[in-house]
Amino acid sequence: MAINKKQLVDLIASKQDQLSHKDIELSVKAIFESMTDSLKNGKRIEIRGFGSFALRFRKSRTGR
């Protein structure tokens, strides 16, 4: 199942009524920015119980 950022914010907001929608949106944005910055700096990201993210560089191939 694919989910975009807005859907993620809406899903969290539906389960967390004590937090405002704007606060959840800012939190998700901050997390994604932090993850992006880590990947840009060559670091690996691991979220226990979810998955890990890392950049892989492959040599170019000739297309058909």
N, C-alpha and C. Protein backbone atom coordinates (compact mmCIF):
# COMPACT_ATOMS: atom_id res chain seq x y z
N MET A 1 0.83 -1.18 0.00
CA MET A 1 0.00 0.00 0.00
C MET A 1 0.89 1.25 0.00
N ALA A 2 0.71 2.08 -0.96
CA ALA A 2 1.45 3.34 -1.04
C ALA A 2 0.68 4.42 -0.28
N ILE A 3 1.42 5.28 0.38
CA ILE A 3 0.79 6.37 1.13
C ILE A 3 1.64 7.62 0.94
N ASN A 4 0.99 8.74 0.74
CA ASN A 4 1.75 9.97 0.58
C ASN A 4 1.79 10.72 1.93
N LYS A 5 2.51 11.83 1.94
CA LYS A 5 2.72 12.56 3.20
C LYS A 5 1.41 13.08 3.78
N LYS A 6 0.54 13.60 2.95
CA LYS A 6 -0.74 14.13 3.43
C LYS A 6 -1.58 13.02 4.04
N GLN A 7 -1.60 11.85 3.39
CA GLN A 7 -2.35 10.73 3.93
C GLN A 7 -1.77 10.27 5.26
N LEU A 8 -0.45 10.29 5.39
CA LEU A 8 0.19 9.92 6.65
C LEU A 8 -0.20 10.89 7.76
N VAL A 9 -0.18 12.19 7.47
CA VAL A 9 -0.57 13.20 8.45
C VAL A 9 -2.03 12.99 8.86
N ASP A 10 -2.90 12.76 7.89
CA ASP A 10 -4.32 12.54 8.18
C ASP A 10 -4.53 11.28 9.03
N LEU A 11 -3.78 10.23 8.74
CA LEU A 11 -3.90 8.98 9.50
C LEU A 11 -3.47 9.19 10.94
N ILE A 12 -2.36 9.87 11.15
CA ILE A 12 -1.89 10.14 12.51
C ILE A 12 -2.88 11.05 13.23
N ALA A 13 -3.39 12.07 12.55
CA ALA A 13 -4.34 12.99 13.16
C ALA A 13 -5.63 12.28 13.59
N SER A 14 -6.04 11.29 12.82
CA SER A 14 -7.27 10.56 13.18
C SER A 14 -7.08 9.71 14.42
N LYS A 15 -5.83 9.34 14.73
CA LYS A 15 -5.57 8.49 15.89
C LYS A 15 -5.09 9.29 17.10
N GLN A 16 -4.67 10.54 16.89
CA GLN A 16 -4.13 11.37 17.97
C GLN A 16 -4.94 12.66 18.08
N ASP A 17 -6.05 12.61 18.77
CA ASP A 17 -6.91 13.79 18.85
C ASP A 17 -6.39 14.87 19.80
N GLN A 18 -5.37 14.56 20.61
CA GLN A 18 -4.82 15.57 21.51
C GLN A 18 -3.82 16.48 20.80
N LEU A 19 -3.38 16.12 19.60
CA LEU A 19 -2.45 16.94 18.84
C LEU A 19 -3.19 17.62 17.70
N SER A 20 -2.78 18.85 17.40
CA SER A 20 -3.42 19.56 16.29
C SER A 20 -2.88 19.02 14.96
N HIS A 21 -3.68 19.19 13.94
CA HIS A 21 -3.30 18.73 12.60
C HIS A 21 -2.02 19.43 12.15
N LYS A 22 -1.89 20.71 12.46
CA LYS A 22 -0.71 21.49 12.08
C LYS A 22 0.54 20.98 12.79
N ASP A 23 0.43 20.62 14.08
CA ASP A 23 1.57 20.09 14.82
C ASP A 23 2.05 18.76 14.24
N ILE A 24 1.10 17.93 13.87
CA ILE A 24 1.44 16.63 13.27
C ILE A 24 2.11 16.85 11.92
N GLU A 25 1.58 17.77 11.13
CA GLU A 25 2.16 18.08 9.82
C GLU A 25 3.60 18.58 9.95
N LEU A 26 3.85 19.46 10.92
CA LEU A 26 5.20 19.97 11.14
C LEU A 26 6.16 18.87 11.62
N SER A 27 5.65 17.97 12.45
CA SER A 27 6.48 16.87 12.95
C SER A 27 6.88 15.91 11.83
N VAL A 28 5.92 15.55 10.98
CA VAL A 28 6.21 14.65 9.86
C VAL A 28 7.19 15.31 8.91
N LYS A 29 7.00 16.60 8.65
CA LYS A 29 7.91 17.33 7.76
C LYS A 29 9.33 17.35 8.33
N ALA A 30 9.44 17.59 9.63
CA ALA A 30 10.76 17.63 10.28
C ALA A 30 11.45 16.26 10.23
N ILE A 31 10.69 15.20 10.41
CA ILE A 31 11.26 13.85 10.35
C ILE A 31 11.77 13.55 8.94
N PHE A 32 10.96 13.87 7.93
CA PHE A 32 11.38 13.61 6.55
C PHE A 32 12.59 14.45 6.16
N GLU A 33 12.64 15.70 6.61
CA GLU A 33 13.79 16.54 6.31
C GLU A 33 15.06 15.99 6.97
N SER A 34 14.92 15.51 8.19
CA SER A 34 16.06 14.92 8.90
C SER A 34 16.55 13.66 8.18
N MET A 35 15.62 12.84 7.72
CA MET A 35 15.99 11.64 6.99
C MET A 35 16.69 11.99 5.68
N THR A 36 16.16 12.99 4.98
CA THR A 36 16.76 13.43 3.72
C THR A 36 18.17 13.95 3.93
N ASP A 37 18.36 14.75 4.97
CA ASP A 37 19.68 15.29 5.27
C ASP A 37 20.67 14.17 5.59
N SER A 38 20.23 13.17 6.34
CA SER A 38 21.10 12.05 6.69
C SER A 38 21.53 11.29 5.44
N LEU A 39 20.58 11.03 4.54
CA LEU A 39 20.92 10.31 3.31
C LEU A 39 21.85 11.14 2.43
N LYS A 40 21.63 12.45 2.39
CA LYS A 40 22.51 13.32 1.61
C LYS A 40 23.94 13.27 2.13
N ASN A 41 24.09 13.11 3.44
CA ASN A 41 25.41 13.07 4.06
C ASN A 41 26.01 11.66 4.08
N GLY A 42 25.38 10.72 3.37
CA GLY A 42 25.92 9.38 3.24
C GLY A 42 25.66 8.47 4.42
N LYS A 43 24.76 8.86 5.29
CA LYS A 43 24.44 8.03 6.45
C LYS A 43 23.33 7.05 6.12
N ARG A 44 23.24 6.01 6.92
CA ARG A 44 22.22 4.98 6.78
C ARG A 44 21.15 5.24 7.84
N ILE A 45 19.88 5.02 7.50
CA ILE A 45 18.78 5.22 8.42
C ILE A 45 18.16 3.87 8.72
N GLU A 46 17.94 3.59 9.98
CA GLU A 46 17.27 2.34 10.36
C GLU A 46 16.14 2.67 11.33
N ILE A 47 14.94 2.23 10.98
CA ILE A 47 13.78 2.39 11.85
C ILE A 47 13.38 0.99 12.28
N ARG A 48 13.60 0.67 13.53
CA ARG A 48 13.34 -0.68 14.04
C ARG A 48 11.89 -1.07 13.80
N GLY A 49 11.68 -2.27 13.29
CA GLY A 49 10.36 -2.77 13.02
C GLY A 49 9.74 -2.25 11.73
N PHE A 50 10.47 -1.42 11.00
CA PHE A 50 9.94 -0.86 9.76
C PHE A 50 10.86 -1.13 8.58
N GLY A 51 12.11 -0.69 8.69
CA GLY A 51 13.04 -0.89 7.59
C GLY A 51 14.25 0.01 7.71
N SER A 52 15.14 -0.13 6.73
CA SER A 52 16.34 0.72 6.70
C SER A 52 16.47 1.33 5.32
N PHE A 53 17.15 2.47 5.30
CA PHE A 53 17.33 3.23 4.07
C PHE A 53 18.80 3.59 3.93
N ALA A 54 19.30 3.44 2.72
CA ALA A 54 20.67 3.83 2.43
C ALA A 54 20.77 4.06 0.92
N LEU A 55 21.69 4.91 0.54
CA LEU A 55 21.91 5.15 -0.88
C LEU A 55 22.88 4.12 -1.43
N ARG A 56 22.59 3.64 -2.61
CA ARG A 56 23.50 2.74 -3.31
C ARG A 56 23.84 3.35 -4.64
N PHE A 57 25.11 3.37 -4.93
CA PHE A 57 25.56 3.90 -6.22
C PHE A 57 25.99 2.73 -7.08
N ARG A 58 25.44 2.69 -8.27
CA ARG A 58 25.77 1.64 -9.22
C ARG A 58 26.37 2.27 -10.46
N LYS A 59 27.25 1.51 -11.13
CA LYS A 59 27.80 2.04 -12.36
C LYS A 59 26.73 2.07 -13.43
N SER A 60 26.86 2.99 -14.36
CA SER A 60 25.86 3.14 -15.41
C SER A 60 25.88 1.96 -16.37
N ARG A 61 24.70 1.68 -16.93
CA ARG A 61 24.59 0.59 -17.89
C ARG A 61 24.11 1.14 -19.22
N THR A 62 24.39 0.44 -20.27
CA THR A 62 23.94 0.84 -21.59
C THR A 62 22.52 0.34 -21.80
N GLY A 63 21.61 1.25 -22.17
CA GLY A 63 20.23 0.89 -22.43
C GLY A 63 20.06 0.28 -23.81
N ARG A 64 18.94 -0.25 -24.03
CA ARG A 64 18.66 -0.86 -25.34
C ARG A 64 18.22 0.18 -26.34
